[in-house]
PDB file of N, CA and C in Angstrom:
ATOM      1  N   MET A   1    -104.262 -97.626 188.257  1.00  0.00           N
ATOM      2  CA  MET A   1    -103.130 -98.532 187.833  1.00  0.00           C
ATOM      3  C   MET A   1    -101.931 -98.855 189.287  1.00  0.00           C
ATOM      4  N   ALA A   2    -101.968 -99.852 189.404  1.00  0.00           N
ATOM      5  CA  ALA A   2    -100.786 -99.963 190.631  1.00  0.00           C
ATOM      6  C   ALA A   2     -99.344 -99.627 190.389  1.00  0.00           C
ATOM      7  N   TYR A   3     -98.495 -99.631 190.865  1.00  0.00           N
ATOM      8  CA  TYR A   3     -96.978 -99.870 190.958  1.00  0.00           C
ATOM      9  C   TYR A   3     -96.405-101.240 190.281  1.00  0.00           C
ATOM     10  N   ASP A   4     -95.471-101.675 189.615  1.00  0.00           N
ATOM     11  CA  ASP A   4     -95.226-102.931 189.702  1.00  0.00           C
ATOM     12  C   ASP A   4     -94.340-103.302 191.002  1.00  0.00           C
ATOM     13  N   GLU A   5     -94.643-104.644 191.305  1.00  0.00           N
ATOM     14  CA  GLU A   5     -94.165-104.791 192.387  1.00  0.00           C
ATOM     15  C   GLU A   5     -92.612-105.221 192.420  1.00  0.00           C
ATOM     16  N   GLY A   6     -92.510-105.681 191.014  1.00  0.00           N
ATOM     17  CA  GLY A   6     -91.113-106.490 190.804  1.00  0.00           C
ATOM     18  C   GLY A   6     -90.260-105.093 190.216  1.00  0.00           C
ATOM     19  N   ILE A   7     -90.478-103.915 190.279  1.00  0.00           N
ATOM     20  CA  ILE A   7     -89.658-102.955 189.932  1.00  0.00           C
ATOM     21  C   ILE A   7     -89.293-102.399 191.579  1.00  0.00           C
ATOM     22  N   ALA A   8     -90.419-102.162 192.074  1.00  0.00           N
ATOM     23  CA  ALA A   8     -90.362-101.845 193.781  1.00  0.00           C
ATOM     24  C   ALA A   8     -88.888-103.024 194.133  1.00  0.00           C
ATOM     25  N   GLN A   9     -89.045-104.351 193.774  1.00  0.00           N
ATOM     26  CA  GLN A   9     -88.161-104.626 194.624  1.00  0.00           C
ATOM     27  C   GLN A   9     -86.538-104.252 193.953  1.00  0.00           C
ATOM     28  N   ILE A  10     -86.783-104.469 193.151  1.00  0.00           N
ATOM     29  CA  ILE A  10     -85.397-103.696 192.361  1.00  0.00           C
ATOM     30  C   ILE A  10     -84.955-102.535 193.199  1.00  0.00           C
ATOM     31  N   MET A  11     -85.899-101.312 193.362  1.00  0.00           N
ATOM     32  CA  MET A  11     -85.520-100.101 194.016  1.00  0.00           C
ATOM     33  C   MET A  11     -85.004-101.204 195.918  1.00  0.00           C
ATOM     34  N   ARG A  12     -85.496-101.666 196.357  1.00  0.00           N
ATOM     35  CA  ARG A  12     -85.444-102.114 197.306  1.00  0.00           C
ATOM     36  C   ARG A  12     -84.228-102.633 197.842  1.00  0.00           C
ATOM     37  N   ASP A  13     -83.568-103.585 196.409  1.00  0.00           N
ATOM     38  CA  ASP A  13     -82.618-104.504 196.609  1.00  0.00           C
ATOM     39  C   ASP A  13     -81.629-103.378 196.468  1.00  0.00           C
ATOM     40  N   ALA A  14     -81.639-102.481 195.400  1.00  0.00           N
ATOM     41  CA  ALA A  14     -80.680-101.377 195.340  1.00  0.00           C
ATOM     42  C   ALA A  14     -80.130-100.753 196.214  1.00  0.00           C
ATOM     43  N   LEU A  15     -81.286-100.678 197.346  1.00  0.00           N
ATOM     44  CA  LEU A  15     -81.049 -99.929 198.704  1.00  0.00           C
ATOM     45  C   LEU A  15     -80.390-100.399 200.280  1.00  0.00           C
ATOM     46  N   THR A  16     -80.668-101.910 199.796  1.00  0.00           N
ATOM     47  CA  THR A  16     -80.850-102.885 201.177  1.00  0.00           C
ATOM     48  C   THR A  16     -79.498-102.431 202.080  1.00  0.00           C
ATOM     49  N   ASP A  17     -78.382-101.835 201.196  1.00  0.00           N
ATOM     50  CA  ASP A  17     -77.369-102.076 202.388  1.00  0.00           C
ATOM     51  C   ASP A  17     -77.028-100.411 202.995  1.00  0.00           C
ATOM     52  N   THR A  18     -78.309 -99.593 202.337  1.00  0.00           N
ATOM     53  CA  THR A  18     -77.767 -97.978 202.661  1.00  0.00           C
ATOM     54  C   THR A  18     -78.920 -97.650 203.809  1.00  0.00           C
ATOM     55  N   PHE A  19     -77.730 -97.037 204.993  1.00  0.00           N
ATOM     56  CA  PHE A  19     -78.530 -96.820 206.771  1.00  0.00           C
ATOM     57  C   PHE A  19     -79.123 -95.676 206.122  1.00  0.00           C
ATOM     58  N   GLY A  20     -80.732 -95.908 207.005  1.00  0.00           N
ATOM     59  CA  GLY A  20     -81.207 -94.766 206.765  1.00  0.00           C
ATOM     60  C   GLY A  20     -82.547 -94.487 205.899  1.00  0.00           C
ATOM     61  N   ILE A  21     -82.443 -96.078 205.390  1.00  0.00           N
ATOM     62  CA  ILE A  21     -83.609 -95.656 204.623  1.00  0.00           C
ATOM     63  C   ILE A  21     -85.457 -96.354 204.746  1.00  0.00           C
ATOM     64  N   ASP A  22     -86.174 -95.983 204.972  1.00  0.00           N
ATOM     65  CA  ASP A  22     -87.813 -96.530 205.527  1.00  0.00           C
ATOM     66  C   ASP A  22     -88.416 -96.014 204.020  1.00  0.00           C
ATOM     67  N   GLU A  23     -89.443 -97.444 203.650  1.00  0.00           N
ATOM     68  CA  GLU A  23     -90.315 -97.136 202.713  1.00  0.00           C
ATOM     69  C   GLU A  23     -91.879 -96.794 203.120  1.00  0.00           C
ATOM     70  N   LYS A  24     -91.864 -96.224 202.204  1.00  0.00           N
ATOM     71  CA  LYS A  24     -93.679 -95.508 202.838  1.00  0.00           C
ATOM     72  C   LYS A  24     -94.525 -95.826 201.280  1.00  0.00           C
ATOM     73  N   LYS A  25     -95.869 -96.116 201.577  1.00  0.00           N
ATOM     74  CA  LYS A  25     -97.169 -95.536 200.774  1.00  0.00           C
ATOM     75  C   LYS A  25     -96.979 -94.490 200.089  1.00  0.00           C
ATOM     76  N   MET A  26     -96.898 -93.986 199.023  1.00  0.00           N
ATOM     77  CA  MET A  26     -97.309 -92.216 198.458  1.00  0.00           C
ATOM     78  C   MET A  26     -98.252 -91.990 197.522  1.00  0.00           C
ATOM     79  N   PHE A  27     -98.998 -91.697 196.906  1.00  0.00           N
ATOM     80  CA  PHE A  27     -99.096 -90.881 195.442  1.00  0.00           C
ATOM     81  C   PHE A  27     -99.153 -92.435 194.932  1.00  0.00           C
ATOM     82  N   GLY A  28    -100.343 -93.556 195.109  1.00  0.00           N
ATOM     83  CA  GLY A  28    -100.286 -94.420 194.469  1.00  0.00           C
ATOM     84  C   GLY A  28     -99.190 -95.778 194.532  1.00  0.00           C
ATOM     85  N   GLY A  29     -98.172 -95.247 195.000  1.00  0.00           N
ATOM     86  CA  GLY A  29     -96.820 -95.960 194.499  1.00  0.00           C
ATOM     87  C   GLY A  29     -96.026 -95.960 196.060  1.00  0.00           C
ATOM     88  N   ILE A  30     -94.867 -96.056 195.633  1.00  0.00           N
ATOM     89  CA  ILE A  30     -94.213 -96.515 197.042  1.00  0.00           C
ATOM     90  C   ILE A  30     -92.746 -95.186 197.335  1.00  0.00           C
ATOM     91  N   ALA A  31     -92.840 -94.475 197.912  1.00  0.00           N
ATOM     92  CA  ALA A  31     -91.500 -93.695 198.117  1.00  0.00           C
ATOM     93  C   ALA A  31     -90.473 -94.214 199.245  1.00  0.00           C
ATOM     94  N   PHE A  32     -89.444 -93.939 198.369  1.00  0.00           N
ATOM     95  CA  PHE A  32     -88.368 -94.797 199.383  1.00  0.00           C
ATOM     96  C   PHE A  32     -87.720 -93.182 200.224  1.00  0.00           C
ATOM     97  N   MET A  33     -87.886 -93.317 201.569  1.00  0.00           N
ATOM     98  CA  MET A  33     -86.914 -92.398 202.137  1.00  0.00           C
ATOM     99  C   MET A  33     -85.629 -92.342 202.834  1.00  0.00           C
ATOM    100  N   LEU A  34     -84.757 -91.842 202.689  1.00  0.00           N
ATOM    101  CA  LEU A  34     -83.569 -91.659 203.460  1.00  0.00           C
ATOM    102  C   LEU A  34     -83.397 -90.373 204.538  1.00  0.00           C
ATOM    103  N   ASN A  35     -83.266 -90.916 205.714  1.00  0.00           N
ATOM    104  CA  ASN A  35     -83.329 -89.635 206.662  1.00  0.00           C
ATOM    105  C   ASN A  35     -84.420 -88.960 206.905  1.00  0.00           C
ATOM    106  N   GLY A  36     -85.706 -89.276 206.361  1.00  0.00           N
ATOM    107  CA  GLY A  36     -87.110 -89.283 206.454  1.00  0.00           C
ATOM    108  C   GLY A  36     -87.095 -87.811 205.241  1.00  0.00           C
ATOM    109  N   ASN A  37     -86.015 -87.920 204.111  1.00  0.00           N
ATOM    110  CA  ASN A  37     -86.604 -86.941 203.064  1.00  0.00           C
ATOM    111  C   ASN A  37     -86.686 -88.264 201.775  1.00  0.00           C
ATOM    112  N   MET A  38     -87.329 -87.650 200.847  1.00  0.00           N
ATOM    113  CA  MET A  38     -87.882 -88.478 200.176  1.00  0.00           C
ATOM    114  C   MET A  38     -86.874 -88.819 198.782  1.00  0.00           C
ATOM    115  N   LEU A  39     -86.140 -89.959 198.247  1.00  0.00           N
ATOM    116  CA  LEU A  39     -84.982 -90.049 197.699  1.00  0.00           C
ATOM    117  C   LEU A  39     -85.645 -90.719 196.251  1.00  0.00           C
ATOM    118  N   CYS A  40     -86.243 -91.486 196.346  1.00  0.00           N
ATOM    119  CA  CYS A  40     -86.714 -91.984 195.448  1.00  0.00           C
ATOM    120  C   CYS A  40     -88.068 -92.944 195.222  1.00  0.00           C
ATOM    121  N   GLY A  41     -88.753 -93.437 194.204  1.00  0.00           N
ATOM    122  CA  GLY A  41     -89.458 -94.084 194.627  1.00  0.00           C
ATOM    123  C   GLY A  41     -90.686 -94.962 192.823  1.00  0.00           C
ATOM    124  N   VAL A  42     -90.784 -95.504 192.923  1.00  0.00           N
ATOM    125  CA  VAL A  42     -92.256 -96.237 192.148  1.00  0.00           C
ATOM    126  C   VAL A  42     -93.641 -95.754 192.229  1.00  0.00           C
ATOM    127  N   HIS A  43     -93.902 -95.517 190.927  1.00  0.00           N
ATOM    128  CA  HIS A  43     -95.420 -95.210 190.421  1.00  0.00           C
ATOM    129  C   HIS A  43     -96.105 -96.472 189.701  1.00  0.00           C
ATOM    130  N   SER A  44     -97.263 -96.174 189.173  1.00  0.00           N
ATOM    131  CA  SER A  44     -97.862 -96.963 187.965  1.00  0.00           C
ATOM    132  C   SER A  44     -96.890 -96.410 187.079  1.00  0.00           C
ATOM    133  N   GLY A  45     -96.193 -97.181 185.905  1.00  0.00           N
ATOM    134  CA  GLY A  45     -95.516 -96.457 184.953  1.00  0.00           C
ATOM    135  C   GLY A  45     -94.139 -96.333 184.892  1.00  0.00           C
ATOM    136  N   GLY A  46     -93.505 -96.876 186.549  1.00  0.00           N
ATOM    137  CA  GLY A  46     -92.007 -96.167 186.124  1.00  0.00           C
ATOM    138  C   GLY A  46     -91.526 -95.774 187.555  1.00  0.00           C
ATOM    139  N   GLY A  47     -90.990 -94.640 188.157  1.00  0.00           N
ATOM    140  CA  GLY A  47     -91.009 -94.440 188.646  1.00  0.00           C
ATOM    141  C   GLY A  47     -89.672 -92.815 189.517  1.00  0.00           C
ATOM    142  N   MET A  48     -89.368 -92.424 190.074  1.00  0.00           N
ATOM    143  CA  MET A  48     -88.785 -91.037 190.225  1.00  0.00           C
ATOM    144  C   MET A  48     -87.552 -90.815 190.894  1.00  0.00           C
ATOM    145  N   PHE A  49     -86.573 -90.121 190.917  1.00  0.00           N
ATOM    146  CA  PHE A  49     -85.968 -89.650 191.867  1.00  0.00           C
ATOM    147  C   PHE A  49     -85.500 -88.620 191.697  1.00  0.00           C
ATOM    148  N   ARG A  50     -85.307 -88.309 193.076  1.00  0.00           N
ATOM    149  CA  ARG A  50     -85.460 -86.603 193.454  1.00  0.00           C
ATOM    150  C   ARG A  50     -83.462 -86.453 193.482  1.00  0.00           C
ATOM    151  N   VAL A  51     -83.372 -85.753 192.571  1.00  0.00           N
ATOM    152  CA  VAL A  51     -82.091 -85.572 192.251  1.00  0.00           C
ATOM    153  C   VAL A  51     -81.428 -84.195 192.507  1.00  0.00           C
ATOM    154  N   GLY A  52     -82.328 -82.862 192.379  1.00  0.00           N
ATOM    155  CA  GLY A  52     -82.094 -81.581 193.030  1.00  0.00           C
ATOM    156  C   GLY A  52     -81.890 -80.897 191.403  1.00  0.00           C
ATOM    157  N   LYS A  53     -82.025 -79.595 191.565  1.00  0.00           N
ATOM    158  CA  LYS A  53     -82.142 -79.203 190.626  1.00  0.00           C
ATOM    159  C   LYS A  53     -80.751 -79.046 189.875  1.00  0.00           C
ATOM    160  N   THR A  54     -79.358 -79.070 190.467  1.00  0.00           N
ATOM    161  CA  THR A  54     -78.350 -78.613 190.320  1.00  0.00           C
ATOM    162  C   THR A  54     -77.686 -80.401 189.527  1.00  0.00           C
ATOM    163  N   ASN A  55     -78.402 -81.098 190.052  1.00  0.00           N
ATOM    164  CA  ASN A  55     -78.126 -82.315 188.947  1.00  0.00           C
ATOM    165  C   ASN A  55     -79.106 -83.060 187.903  1.00  0.00           C
ATOM    166  N   GLU A  56     -80.179 -82.003 188.002  1.00  0.00           N
ATOM    167  CA  GLU A  56     -81.406 -82.480 187.175  1.00  0.00           C
ATOM    168  C   GLU A  56     -81.147 -81.949 185.857  1.00  0.00           C
ATOM    169  N   ALA A  57     -79.978 -82.068 184.826  1.00  0.00           N
ATOM    170  CA  ALA A  57     -79.380 -81.577 183.603  1.00  0.00           C
ATOM    171  C   ALA A  57     -79.169 -82.948 183.353  1.00  0.00           C
ATOM    172  N   ALA A  58     -77.973 -83.743 184.477  1.00  0.00           N
ATOM    173  CA  ALA A  58     -77.514 -84.742 184.312  1.00  0.00           C
ATOM    174  C   ALA A  58     -78.325 -85.762 184.571  1.00  0.00           C
ATOM    175  N   ALA A  59     -79.097 -85.713 185.117  1.00  0.00           N
ATOM    176  CA  ALA A  59     -79.960 -87.073 184.958  1.00  0.00           C
ATOM    177  C   ALA A  59     -80.980 -87.271 183.835  1.00  0.00           C
ATOM    178  N   LEU A  60     -81.221 -85.846 183.491  1.00  0.00           N
ATOM    179  CA  LEU A  60     -82.300 -85.961 182.405  1.00  0.00           C
ATOM    180  C   LEU A  60     -81.510 -86.431 181.011  1.00  0.00           C
ATOM    181  N   GLY A  61     -79.979 -86.102 181.014  1.00  0.00           N
ATOM    182  CA  GLY A  61     -79.096 -86.954 180.144  1.00  0.00           C
ATOM    183  C   GLY A  61     -78.883 -88.692 180.104  1.00  0.00           C
ATOM    184  N   ILE A  62     -79.968 -89.042 181.547  1.00  0.00           N
ATOM    185  CA  ILE A  62     -79.517 -90.717 181.255  1.00  0.00           C
ATOM    186  C   ILE A  62     -81.242 -91.320 180.203  1.00  0.00           C
ATOM    187  N   GLU A  63     -80.708 -92.204 179.527  1.00  0.00           N
ATOM    188  CA  GLU A  63     -81.864 -92.936 178.721  1.00  0.00           C
ATOM    189  C   GLU A  63     -82.864 -93.041 179.656  1.00  0.00           C
ATOM    190  N   GLY A  64     -84.088 -93.322 179.576  1.00  0.00           N
ATOM    191  CA  GLY A  64     -85.115 -93.161 180.108  1.00  0.00           C
ATOM    192  C   GLY A  64     -85.686 -92.246 180.958  1.00  0.00           C
ATOM    193  N   ALA A  65     -84.858 -91.349 181.360  1.00  0.00           N
ATOM    194  CA  ALA A  65     -85.046 -90.583 182.067  1.00  0.00           C
ATOM    195  C   ALA A  65     -85.719 -89.336 181.475  1.00  0.00           C
ATOM    196  N   GLY A  66     -87.099 -88.596 182.130  1.00  0.00           N
ATOM    197  CA  GLY A  66     -87.683 -87.392 181.618  1.00  0.00           C
ATOM    198  C   GLY A  66     -88.224 -86.363 183.186  1.00  0.00           C
ATOM    199  N   PRO A  67     -88.697 -84.946 182.512  1.00  0.00           N
ATOM    200  CA  PRO A  67     -89.624 -84.381 183.887  1.00  0.00           C
ATOM    201  C   PRO A  67     -90.467 -85.017 184.444  1.00  0.00           C
ATOM    202  N   LEU A  68     -90.641 -84.768 185.704  1.00  0.00           N
ATOM    203  CA  LEU A  68     -91.149 -85.431 186.322  1.00  0.00           C
ATOM    204  C   LEU A  68     -92.345 -84.121 186.064  1.00  0.00           C
ATOM    205  N   ALA A  69     -93.591 -84.700 186.032  1.00  0.00           N
ATOM    206  CA  ALA A  69     -94.811 -83.764 186.388  1.00  0.00           C
ATOM    207  C   ALA A  69     -96.326 -84.391 186.506  1.00  0.00           C
ATOM    208  N   PHE A  70     -96.413 -85.006 187.625  1.00  0.00           N
ATOM    209  CA  PHE A  70     -97.686 -85.667 188.443  1.00  0.00           C
ATOM    210  C   PHE A  70     -98.735 -85.223 187.715  1.00  0.00           C
ATOM    211  N   THR A  71     -99.056 -83.030 187.775  1.00  0.00           N
ATOM    212  CA  THR A  71     -99.992 -82.677 187.610  1.00  0.00           C
ATOM    213  C   THR A  71     -99.922 -82.153 186.733  1.00  0.00           C
ATOM    214  N   LYS A  72     -99.340 -82.519 185.783  1.00  0.00           N
ATOM    215  CA  LYS A  72     -99.272 -81.367 184.412  1.00  0.00           C
ATOM    216  C   LYS A  72     -98.172 -79.956 184.230  1.00  0.00           C
ATOM    217  N   ARG A  73     -98.090 -80.421 185.543  1.00  0.00           N
ATOM    218  CA  ARG A  73     -96.621 -79.337 186.151  1.00  0.00           C
ATOM    219  C   ARG A  73     -95.661 -79.583 186.286  1.00  0.00           C
ATOM    220  N   LYS A  74     -94.287 -79.155 185.644  1.00  0.00           N
ATOM    221  CA  LYS A  74     -92.998 -80.031 186.232  1.00  0.00           C
ATOM    222  C   LYS A  74     -92.595 -79.500 187.593  1.00  0.00           C
ATOM    223  N   MET A  75     -91.692 -80.673 188.244  1.00  0.00           N
ATOM    224  CA  MET A  75     -91.398 -80.334 189.480  1.00  0.00           C
ATOM    225  C   MET A  75     -89.750 -80.731 189.573  1.00  0.00           C
ATOM    226  N   GLY A  76     -89.518 -79.248 189.532  1.00  0.00           N
ATOM    227  CA  GLY A  76     -87.927 -78.838 189.663  1.00  0.00           C
ATOM    228  C   GLY A  76     -87.043 -80.102 190.568  1.00  0.00           C
ATOM    229  N   GLY A  77     -85.974 -80.418 190.432  1.00  0.00           N
ATOM    230  CA  GLY A  77     -85.046 -81.664 190.782  1.00  0.00           C
ATOM    231  C   GLY A  77     -85.781 -82.827 190.777  1.00  0.00           C
ATOM    232  N   MET A  78     -86.474 -82.759 190.510  1.00  0.00           N
ATOM    233  CA  MET A  78     -87.303 -84.540 190.289  1.00  0.00           C
ATOM    234  C   MET A  78     -86.983 -85.291 188.755  1.00  0.00           C
ATOM    235  N   VAL A  79     -87.146 -86.497 188.656  1.00  0.00           N
ATOM    236  CA  VAL A  79     -86.994 -86.866 187.523  1.00  0.00           C
ATOM    237  C   VAL A  79     -87.584 -88.220 187.030  1.00  0.00           C
ATOM    238  N   ASP A  80     -88.349 -88.476 186.415  1.00  0.00           N
ATOM    239  CA  ASP A  80     -89.567 -89.874 185.958  1.00  0.00           C
ATOM    240  C   ASP A  80     -88.369 -90.048 185.413  1.00  0.00           C
ATOM    241  N   VAL A  81     -88.592 -91.502 185.707  1.00  0.00           N
ATOM    242  CA  VAL A  81     -87.688 -92.682 184.902  1.00  0.00           C
ATOM    243  C   VAL A  81     -89.117 -93.773 184.197  1.00  0.00           C
ATOM    244  N   THR A  82     -88.802 -94.719 183.397  1.00  0.00           N
ATOM    245  CA  THR A  82     -88.970 -95.791 182.635  1.00  0.00           C
ATOM    246  C   THR A  82     -88.870 -96.928 183.609  1.00  0.00           C
ATOM    247  N   ASP A  83     -90.124 -97.581 183.431  1.00  0.00           N
ATOM    248  CA  ASP A  83     -89.420 -98.891 184.218  1.00  0.00           C
ATOM    249  C   ASP A  83     -87.962 -99.589 183.523  1.00  0.00           C
ATOM    250  N   GLU A  84     -88.301 -99.825 182.246  1.00  0.00           N
ATOM    251  CA  GLU A  84     -86.413-100.132 181.784  1.00  0.00           C
ATOM    252  C   GLU A  84     -85.287 -99.445 182.142  1.00  0.00           C
ATOM    253  N   ALA A  85     -85.194 -98.186 182.632  1.00  0.00           N
ATOM    254  CA  ALA A  85     -84.486 -97.458 183.268  1.00  0.00           C
ATOM    255  C   ALA A  85     -84.027 -98.020 184.759  1.00  0.00           C
ATOM    256  N   ILE A  86     -85.021 -98.425 185.184  1.00  0.00           N
ATOM    257  CA  ILE A  86     -84.843 -98.775 186.833  1.00  0.00           C
ATOM    258  C   ILE A  86     -84.245-100.305 186.660  1.00  0.00           C
ATOM    259  N   ALA A  87     -84.727-100.961 185.949  1.00  0.00           N
ATOM    260  CA  ALA A  87     -84.605-102.204 185.366  1.00  0.00           C
ATOM    261  C   ALA A  87     -82.472-102.118 185.158  1.00  0.00           C
ATOM    262  N   ASN A  88     -82.412-101.031 184.384  1.00  0.00           N
ATOM    263  CA  ASN A  88     -80.994-101.008 184.006  1.00  0.00           C
ATOM    264  C   ASN A  88     -79.925-101.016 185.264  1.00  0.00           C
ATOM    265  N   ASP A  89     -79.357-102.008 185.335  1.00  0.00           N
ATOM    266  CA  ASP A  89     -78.245-101.510 186.340  1.00  0.00           C
ATOM    267  C   ASP A  89     -77.292-100.178 186.468  1.00  0.00           C
ATOM    268  N   ASP A  90     -76.806 -99.780 184.983  1.00  0.00           N
ATOM    269  CA  ASP A  90     -76.264 -98.953 184.754  1.00  0.00           C
ATOM    270  C   ASP A  90     -77.007 -97.240 184.466  1.00  0.00           C
ATOM    271  N   SER A  91     -78.413 -97.306 184.214  1.00  0.00           N
ATOM    272  CA  SER A  91     -78.879 -96.343 184.393  1.00  0.00           C
ATOM    273  C   SER A  91     -79.426 -96.077 185.591  1.00  0.00           C
ATOM    274  N   ARG A  92     -79.811 -97.052 186.397  1.00  0.00           N
ATOM    275  CA  ARG A  92     -80.571 -97.160 188.113  1.00  0.00           C
ATOM    276  C   ARG A  92     -79.199 -96.620 188.917  1.00  0.00           C
ATOM    277  N   ASP A  93     -78.064 -96.659 188.845  1.00  0.00           N
ATOM    278  CA  ASP A  93     -77.112 -96.329 189.287  1.00  0.00           C
ATOM    279  C   ASP A  93     -76.287 -95.226 189.058  1.00  0.00           C
ATOM    280  N   GLN A  94     -76.611 -94.680 188.498  1.00  0.00           N
ATOM    281  CA  GLN A  94     -76.042 -93.229 187.853  1.00  0.00           C
ATOM    282  C   GLN A  94     -76.996 -92.216 188.866  1.00  0.00           C
ATOM    283  N   LEU A  95     -78.547 -92.863 188.220  1.00  0.00           N
ATOM    284  CA  LEU A  95     -79.998 -91.749 188.938  1.00  0.00           C
ATOM    285  C   LEU A  95     -79.404 -91.670 190.534  1.00  0.00           C
ATOM    286  N   MET A  96     -79.301 -93.041 191.236  1.00  0.00           N
ATOM    287  CA  MET A  96     -79.504 -93.243 192.258  1.00  0.00           C
ATOM    288  C   MET A  96     -78.060 -92.447 193.006  1.00  0.00           C
ATOM    289  N   ALA A  97     -77.069 -92.560 192.179  1.00  0.00           N
ATOM    290  CA  ALA A  97     -75.758 -91.452 192.659  1.00  0.00           C
ATOM    291  C   ALA A  97     -76.319 -90.258 193.097  1.00  0.00           C
ATOM    292  N   LEU A  98     -77.088 -89.265 191.438  1.00  0.00           N
ATOM    293  CA  LEU A  98     -77.257 -88.143 191.533  1.00  0.00           C
ATOM    294  C   LEU A  98     -78.154 -87.981 192.958  1.00  0.00           C
ATOM    295  N   ALA A  99     -79.372 -88.649 192.912  1.00  0.00           N
ATOM    296  CA  ALA A  99     -80.035 -88.795 194.150  1.00  0.00           C
ATOM    297  C   ALA A  99     -79.305 -88.613 195.482  1.00  0.00           C
ATOM    298  N   MET A 100     -78.864 -89.705 195.634  1.00  0.00           N
ATOM    299  CA  MET A 100     -77.878 -89.571 196.710  1.00  0.00           C
ATOM    300  C   MET A 100     -76.930 -87.929 197.513  1.00  0.00           C
ATOM    301  N   ASP A 101     -76.227 -87.816 196.148  1.00  0.00           N
ATOM    302  CA  ASP A 101     -75.329 -86.482 196.757  1.00  0.00           C
ATOM    303  C   ASP A 101     -76.492 -86.037 196.508  1.00  0.00           C
ATOM    304  N   PHE A 102     -78.040 -85.417 196.193  1.00  0.00           N
ATOM    305  CA  PHE A 102     -78.421 -84.591 196.678  1.00  0.00           C
ATOM    306  C   PHE A 102     -79.494 -84.712 197.887  1.00  0.00           C
ATOM    307  N   VAL A 103     -79.818 -85.949 197.809  1.00  0.00           N
ATOM    308  CA  VAL A 103     -80.698 -85.851 199.171  1.00  0.00           C
ATOM    309  C   VAL A 103     -79.573 -86.242 200.305  1.00  0.00           C
ATOM    310  N   GLY A 104     -78.054 -86.692 200.146  1.00  0.00           N
ATOM    311  CA  GLY A 104     -77.972 -86.779 201.384  1.00  0.00           C
ATOM    312  C   GLY A 104     -77.113 -85.842 202.351  1.00  0.00           C
ATOM    313  N   GLY A 105     -77.344 -84.836 201.305  1.00  0.00           N
ATOM    314  CA  GLY A 105     -76.415 -83.471 202.013  1.00  0.00           C
ATOM    315  C   GLY A 105     -78.039 -82.734 202.658  1.00  0.00           C
ATOM    316  N   LEU A 106     -79.324 -83.288 202.737  1.00  0.00           N
ATOM    317  CA  LEU A 106     -80.370 -82.642 202.896  1.00  0.00           C
ATOM    318  C   LEU A 106     -80.042 -82.505 204.782  1.00  0.00           C
ATOM    319  N   PRO A 107     -80.842 -82.127 205.570  1.00  0.00           N
ATOM    320  CA  PRO A 107     -81.041 -82.443 207.339  1.00  0.00           C
ATOM    321  C   PRO A 107     -81.678 -83.551 207.346  1.00  0.00           C
ATOM    322  N   ALA A 108     -81.728 -84.599 208.332  1.00  0.00           N
ATOM    323  CA  ALA A 108     -82.590 -85.424 208.588  1.00  0.00           C
ATOM    324  C   ALA A 108     -83.634 -84.790 209.414  1.00  0.00           C
ATOM    325  N   LYS A 109     -84.762 -85.613 208.726  1.00  0.00           N
ATOM    326  CA  LYS A 109     -86.049 -85.248 209.633  1.00  0.00           C
ATOM    327  C   LYS A 109     -86.578 -85.809 210.559  1.00  0.00           C
TER     328      LYS A 109
END
């Protein structure tokens, strides 16, 4: 099943003023890259944010966020989010801030 284009557009709109963002098709969805590093993405049934292990607990406390486990194995520092959490400005903004905090500190690729 394909990702929801409406949810992808919400993410694009949220990132429109951010310098260094590129979009890549990945894992049957779309990944948004910040200076070459994965920041967030959209997949079938929701999306994901790369928040880093230090921000993970805070991210998991946001309604609609849970552990990311594409292969049935938890991926540390990544959270899976529902479509509703992405569509909610407050939830998305909080998750995006945590992801920007982590990914913004990584060296550019």
